[in-house]
Protein backbone atom coordinates (compact mmCIF):
# COMPACT_ATOMS: atom_id res chain seq x y z
CA UNK A 1 55.12 93.73 226.69
CA UNK A 2 57.74 96.50 226.92
CA UNK A 3 60.43 93.89 227.66
CA UNK A 4 59.40 91.93 224.56
CA UNK A 5 59.61 95.07 222.48
CA UNK A 6 63.09 95.79 223.80
CA UNK A 7 64.22 92.26 222.94
CA UNK A 8 62.74 92.55 219.46
CA UNK A 9 64.45 95.90 218.93
CA UNK A 10 67.76 94.45 220.05
CA UNK A 11 67.41 91.59 217.58
CA UNK A 12 66.56 93.95 214.75
CA UNK A 13 69.38 96.42 215.52
CA UNK A 14 72.18 94.60 213.61
CA UNK A 15 70.01 94.37 210.49
CA UNK A 16 69.14 98.06 210.75
CA UNK A 17 72.80 98.97 211.24
CA UNK A 18 73.78 96.90 208.20
CA UNK A 19 71.11 98.61 206.11
CA UNK A 20 72.24 102.08 207.20
CA UNK A 21 75.89 101.20 206.55
CA UNK A 22 75.05 99.87 203.09
CA UNK A 23 72.99 102.97 202.30
CA UNK A 24 75.86 105.28 203.28
CA UNK A 25 78.53 103.21 201.52
CA UNK A 26 81.23 104.17 200.79
CA UNK A 27 82.30 106.54 203.55
CA UNK A 28 86.06 105.85 203.47
CA UNK A 29 88.72 104.79 200.94
CA UNK A 30 88.50 101.31 199.41
CA UNK A 31 91.44 98.95 199.10
CA UNK A 32 91.79 97.10 195.79
CA UNK A 33 94.18 94.20 196.26
CA UNK A 34 96.15 93.16 193.18
CA UNK A 35 97.69 89.75 194.01
CA UNK A 36 100.80 90.38 191.90
CA UNK A 37 103.83 92.63 192.05
CA UNK A 38 103.52 95.91 190.17
CA UNK A 39 104.20 96.14 186.46
CA UNK A 40 102.09 93.29 185.09
CA UNK A 41 98.87 93.38 183.09
CA UNK A 42 96.51 93.05 186.07
CA UNK A 43 98.31 95.84 187.92
CA UNK A 44 98.20 98.00 184.79
CA UNK A 45 94.46 97.45 184.37
CA UNK A 46 93.79 98.24 188.04
CA UNK A 47 95.66 101.54 187.76
CA UNK A 48 93.80 102.45 184.56
CA UNK A 49 90.39 101.70 186.06
CA UNK A 50 90.72 103.08 189.60
CA UNK A 51 90.64 106.84 188.80
CA UNK A 52 87.25 106.58 187.06
CA UNK A 53 86.02 103.97 189.55
CA UNK A 54 86.96 106.29 192.43
CA UNK A 55 85.17 109.18 190.76
CA UNK A 56 82.00 107.15 190.27
CA UNK A 57 82.03 105.92 193.90
CA UNK A 58 82.89 109.27 195.42
CA UNK A 59 85.72 107.67 197.39
CA UNK A 60 89.31 106.87 196.55
CA UNK A 61 90.07 103.30 195.45
CA UNK A 62 93.68 102.50 196.40
CA UNK A 63 95.66 99.77 194.63
CA UNK A 64 97.48 97.46 197.05
CA UNK A 65 99.95 95.02 195.42
CA UNK A 66 100.20 91.76 197.38
CA UNK A 67 102.08 89.34 195.13
CA UNK A 68 103.11 85.79 195.94
CA UNK A 69 102.24 82.12 195.41
CA UNK A 70 100.78 82.65 191.96
CA UNK A 71 98.23 85.19 193.26
CA UNK A 72 97.06 82.93 196.11
CA UNK A 73 98.39 85.15 198.93
CA UNK A 74 96.61 88.30 197.78
CA UNK A 75 93.45 86.42 196.88
CA UNK A 76 93.39 84.89 200.36
CA UNK A 77 93.51 88.39 201.87
CA UNK A 78 90.33 89.22 199.97
CA UNK A 79 88.63 86.00 201.08
CA UNK A 80 89.42 86.65 204.77
CA UNK A 81 88.48 90.34 204.76
CA UNK A 82 85.30 91.75 206.28
CA UNK A 83 82.56 91.72 203.60
CA UNK A 84 81.78 95.41 203.88
CA UNK A 85 82.92 96.59 200.45
CA UNK A 86 86.13 98.20 201.68
CA UNK A 87 88.40 95.36 200.53
CA UNK A 88 88.16 94.27 196.91
CA UNK A 89 90.46 92.34 194.60
CA UNK A 90 91.43 92.74 190.95
CA UNK A 91 91.90 89.12 189.89
CA UNK A 92 92.88 87.50 186.62
CA UNK A 93 92.99 84.11 184.90
CA UNK A 94 95.22 82.70 187.65
CA UNK A 95 92.11 82.53 189.86
CA UNK A 96 90.59 79.98 187.46
CA UNK A 97 93.85 78.03 187.13
CA UNK A 98 94.79 77.70 190.81
CA UNK A 99 92.04 75.23 191.85
CA UNK A 100 93.54 72.70 189.43
CA UNK A 101 97.12 73.59 190.23
CA UNK A 102 97.14 73.37 194.02
CA UNK A 103 96.36 70.33 196.14
CA UNK A 104 94.62 72.65 198.58
CA UNK A 105 93.91 76.36 198.50
CA UNK A 106 93.39 78.50 201.66
CA UNK A 107 90.00 79.49 200.30
CA UNK A 108 87.15 78.01 198.28
CA UNK A 109 87.12 79.61 194.83
CA UNK A 110 83.37 79.14 194.42
CA UNK A 111 82.04 79.89 197.93
CA UNK A 112 84.38 82.42 199.54
CA UNK A 113 83.88 85.34 197.15
CA UNK A 114 81.34 87.75 195.79
CA UNK A 115 81.90 88.35 192.09
CA UNK A 116 81.44 92.03 191.31
CA UNK A 117 82.06 92.15 187.55
CA UNK A 118 84.30 91.12 184.67
CA UNK A 119 86.23 94.23 183.64
CA UNK A 120 88.29 93.31 180.58
CA UNK A 121 89.76 90.54 178.50
CA UNK A 122 93.04 90.69 176.64
CA UNK A 123 95.25 88.77 174.24
CA UNK A 124 98.75 87.70 175.23
CA UNK A 125 101.91 88.66 173.37
CA UNK A 126 105.02 86.49 173.08
CA UNK A 127 108.21 88.55 173.16
CA UNK A 128 111.91 87.76 172.99
CA UNK A 129 115.14 89.25 174.29
CA UNK A 130 116.85 90.98 171.34
CA UNK A 131 120.07 89.12 172.11
CA UNK A 132 118.35 85.84 171.24
CA UNK A 133 118.49 87.09 167.64
CA UNK A 134 115.10 85.79 166.52
CA UNK A 135 112.59 88.02 164.78
CA UNK A 136 109.80 85.59 163.93
CA UNK A 137 108.07 82.61 165.50
CA UNK A 138 109.63 80.29 162.92
CA UNK A 139 113.11 81.58 163.71
CA UNK A 140 112.42 80.88 167.39
CA UNK A 141 111.28 77.33 166.63
CA UNK A 142 114.39 76.70 164.52
CA UNK A 143 116.64 78.02 167.29
CA UNK A 144 114.84 75.96 169.94
CA UNK A 145 115.21 72.76 167.92
CA UNK A 146 118.93 73.41 167.53
CA UNK A 147 119.27 74.08 171.28
CA UNK A 148 116.68 71.92 173.09
CA UNK A 149 116.08 72.95 176.69
CA UNK A 150 118.47 75.88 176.53
CA UNK A 151 116.17 78.74 175.51
CA UNK A 152 114.47 80.05 178.64
CA UNK A 153 110.86 81.11 179.06
CA UNK A 154 110.02 83.45 181.94
CA UNK A 155 106.47 83.31 183.28
CA UNK A 156 104.36 84.99 185.95
CA UNK A 157 104.70 81.82 188.05
CA UNK A 158 104.10 78.09 188.01
CA UNK A 159 100.66 77.41 186.57
CA UNK A 160 100.07 81.03 185.57
CA UNK A 161 98.34 81.68 182.26
CA UNK A 162 101.70 82.72 180.79
CA UNK A 163 103.24 79.42 181.94
CA UNK A 164 100.40 77.35 180.54
CA UNK A 165 100.43 79.35 177.31
CA UNK A 166 104.11 78.55 176.89
CA UNK A 167 103.35 74.88 177.50
CA UNK A 168 100.63 75.01 174.82
CA UNK A 169 103.15 76.53 172.40
CA UNK A 170 105.86 74.00 173.25
CA UNK A 171 103.45 71.13 172.61
CA UNK A 172 102.15 72.60 169.36
CA UNK A 173 105.62 73.47 168.01
CA UNK A 174 107.26 70.28 169.35
CA UNK A 175 110.08 72.19 171.02
CA UNK A 176 111.71 72.15 174.46
CA UNK A 177 111.99 75.42 176.39
CA UNK A 178 113.30 75.84 179.94
CA UNK A 179 110.63 77.37 182.18
CA UNK A 180 111.67 80.00 184.75
CA UNK A 181 108.85 81.13 187.08
CA UNK A 182 108.86 84.65 188.51
CA UNK A 183 106.61 86.46 190.99
CA UNK A 184 104.43 88.08 188.38
CA UNK A 185 104.27 89.11 184.74
CA UNK A 186 106.00 92.41 185.46
CA UNK A 187 108.98 90.60 186.93
CA UNK A 188 109.23 88.23 183.96
CA UNK A 189 109.19 91.15 181.51
CA UNK A 190 111.97 92.91 183.43
CA UNK A 191 114.07 89.73 183.41
CA UNK A 192 113.72 89.36 179.65
CA UNK A 193 114.64 93.02 179.09
CA UNK A 194 117.73 92.40 181.22
CA UNK A 195 118.66 89.27 179.28
CA UNK A 196 118.14 86.94 182.23
CA UNK A 197 115.41 85.06 180.36
CA UNK A 198 114.91 84.71 176.62
CA UNK A 199 111.12 84.79 176.28
CA UNK A 200 107.95 85.74 178.09
CA UNK A 201 104.28 86.31 177.33
CA UNK A 202 102.17 89.14 178.75
CA UNK A 203 99.55 91.78 177.96
CA UNK A 204 100.68 93.84 174.92
CA UNK A 205 100.08 97.23 176.49
CA UNK A 206 102.32 96.44 179.44
CA UNK A 207 105.26 95.96 177.05
CA UNK A 208 104.58 98.44 174.25
CA UNK A 209 107.09 101.11 175.37
CA UNK A 210 109.85 98.50 175.62
CA UNK A 211 108.93 97.08 172.21
CA UNK A 212 109.02 100.55 170.66
CA UNK A 213 112.41 101.15 172.29
CA UNK A 214 113.78 97.90 170.85
CA UNK A 215 114.21 96.28 174.26
CA UNK A 216 111.77 93.48 173.39
CA UNK A 217 111.02 91.72 170.10
CA UNK A 218 107.34 90.80 169.52
CA UNK A 219 106.86 87.39 167.88
CA UNK A 220 103.20 86.37 168.02
CA UNK A 221 99.93 87.23 169.73
CA UNK A 222 96.92 85.20 170.84
CA UNK A 223 93.45 86.03 169.57
CA UNK A 224 91.52 85.90 166.32
CA UNK A 225 93.23 88.89 164.74
CA UNK A 226 96.37 90.97 165.10
CA UNK A 227 96.34 93.75 167.64
CA UNK A 228 95.88 97.31 166.32
CA UNK A 229 98.78 98.19 168.61
CA UNK A 230 101.07 95.83 166.68
CA UNK A 231 99.44 95.23 163.29
CA UNK A 232 102.52 93.53 161.83
CA UNK A 233 102.73 90.90 164.57
CA UNK A 234 100.89 87.72 163.48
CA UNK A 235 98.53 85.71 165.62
CA UNK A 236 99.62 82.24 166.66
CA UNK A 237 96.83 80.91 164.46
CA UNK A 238 98.13 82.79 161.41
CA UNK A 239 101.60 81.43 162.14
CA UNK A 240 100.24 77.88 162.06
CA UNK A 241 99.39 77.27 165.73
CA UNK A 242 95.62 77.75 166.21
CA UNK A 243 95.63 75.70 169.44
CA UNK A 244 97.73 78.39 171.17
CA UNK A 245 94.87 80.76 171.88
CA UNK A 246 94.27 81.34 175.60
CA UNK A 247 92.35 84.48 176.54
CA UNK A 248 93.19 86.37 179.69
CA UNK A 249 90.38 87.93 181.70
CA UNK A 250 90.33 90.23 184.70
CA UNK A 251 87.57 90.85 187.18
CA UNK A 252 86.78 92.36 190.56
CA UNK A 253 85.87 90.26 193.58
CA UNK A 254 84.95 90.87 197.21
CA UNK A 255 84.61 88.57 200.22
CA UNK A 256 81.52 86.35 200.30
CA UNK A 257 78.55 87.84 202.13
CA UNK A 258 78.80 91.29 200.54
CA UNK A 259 75.52 93.14 201.27
CA UNK A 260 73.30 93.34 198.21
CA UNK A 261 73.13 97.14 198.41
CA UNK A 262 76.93 97.40 198.47
CA UNK A 263 77.20 94.96 195.57
CA UNK A 264 74.73 97.09 193.62
CA UNK A 265 76.65 100.29 194.39
CA UNK A 266 79.93 98.75 193.23
CA UNK A 267 78.38 97.32 190.10
CA UNK A 268 76.72 100.59 189.16
CA UNK A 269 79.90 102.62 189.76
CA UNK A 270 82.00 100.19 187.77
CA UNK A 271 79.49 100.35 184.92
CA UNK A 272 79.71 104.14 184.92
CA UNK A 273 83.52 103.99 184.94
CA UNK A 274 83.75 101.49 182.09
CA UNK A 275 81.24 103.44 180.01
CA UNK A 276 83.46 106.54 179.95
CA UNK A 277 84.93 107.06 176.50
CA UNK A 278 88.34 108.12 177.81
CA UNK A 279 88.74 104.95 179.90
CA UNK A 280 87.62 102.77 177.01
CA UNK A 281 90.21 104.47 174.81
CA UNK A 282 92.95 103.97 177.39
CA UNK A 283 92.06 100.31 177.84
CA UNK A 284 92.12 99.73 174.08
CA UNK A 285 95.42 101.53 173.58
CA UNK A 286 96.95 99.35 176.29
CA UNK A 287 95.80 96.12 174.68
CA UNK A 288 92.67 95.42 176.74
CA UNK A 289 89.22 94.63 175.38
CA UNK A 290 86.72 96.38 177.69
CA UNK A 291 84.17 93.91 179.02
CA UNK A 292 81.11 94.38 181.18
CA UNK A 293 79.70 91.28 182.81
CA UNK A 294 77.52 91.73 185.89
CA UNK A 295 77.94 89.83 189.15
CA UNK A 296 75.83 86.82 188.10
CA UNK A 297 77.34 86.74 184.62
CA UNK A 298 80.83 87.06 186.09
CA UNK A 299 80.32 84.15 188.50
CA UNK A 300 79.04 81.90 185.70
CA UNK A 301 81.91 82.94 183.43
CA UNK A 302 84.59 82.29 186.05
CA UNK A 303 83.17 78.89 187.00
CA UNK A 304 83.28 77.90 183.32
CA UNK A 305 86.90 79.07 183.13
CA UNK A 306 87.84 76.95 186.16
CA UNK A 307 86.58 73.89 184.31
CA UNK A 308 88.29 74.93 181.05
CA UNK A 309 91.74 75.29 182.60
CA UNK A 310 91.63 71.90 184.34
CA UNK A 311 92.64 70.14 181.14
CA UNK A 312 95.40 72.67 180.37
CA UNK A 313 96.92 72.18 183.82
CA UNK A 314 96.70 68.41 183.47
CA UNK A 315 98.35 68.45 180.04
CA UNK A 316 101.16 70.72 181.24
CA UNK A 317 101.99 68.62 184.31
CA UNK A 318 102.32 71.88 186.24
CA UNK A 319 102.30 71.70 190.03
CA UNK A 320 102.73 74.29 192.75
CA UNK A 321 106.02 74.14 194.58
């Protein structure tokens, strides 16, 4: 009998250890992988959220930029990590686009992740290099028709939401722009500021200082209404292009198999962080719309987005290199 009890105890030990670990979580800093280089909208959001998120968890959440392959490299790191809550990812619309863009991903977008929560959505702002000498969307269209294929559009990478948004605009306006993919939205913005690309599209807040300094010219914004940050910049719809209206979203993921107690702790802490008035104000002033979708709601939302972007990828003809 004693031997049977010992065997039973040994079998139960891993479950007990997991329960104790989950109850104590977190006991060390947490890594939040951002699968883009620094300076883009997803990186900006991560750095806005992590101070309050860290405070709510009682442990530091450290942003770790791992850009490359249109966010696939960093996302793969999350998928392959131990599901203990100490490796998370701040992911954006690219996650929903990549399954249609790549012949094969090194992870399964539906099965290899725990979805913690949707954090924010945001419109996208089309900006131009001042040297292009266009101040409105119509002036851009006129210039593009006079110089087909010569005006360049920098994006966050092949098949990124900024790339597909530019393809939507090209189709709607019947113009030809030359696409230049970069390793993230931050890189594309820097290249436009430097005059190495003529146009790009990104989160408004990530570009506001450059716009105010005259280094970028805002032309149009996605969404149903103009941004309070740039009230004089029209929406694409108001400018005559209602089909150019993609919405960017950003959410937190973890590896599949995250213990329920850890998932609950993360969700609760994130809810506390997002409920703080100062964080909500900072998100709004940087062009984000605070969002709070729980793990189940987030999974359902993302799976719908994967289906939605399939047609956009097909129409664009975009393919991973």
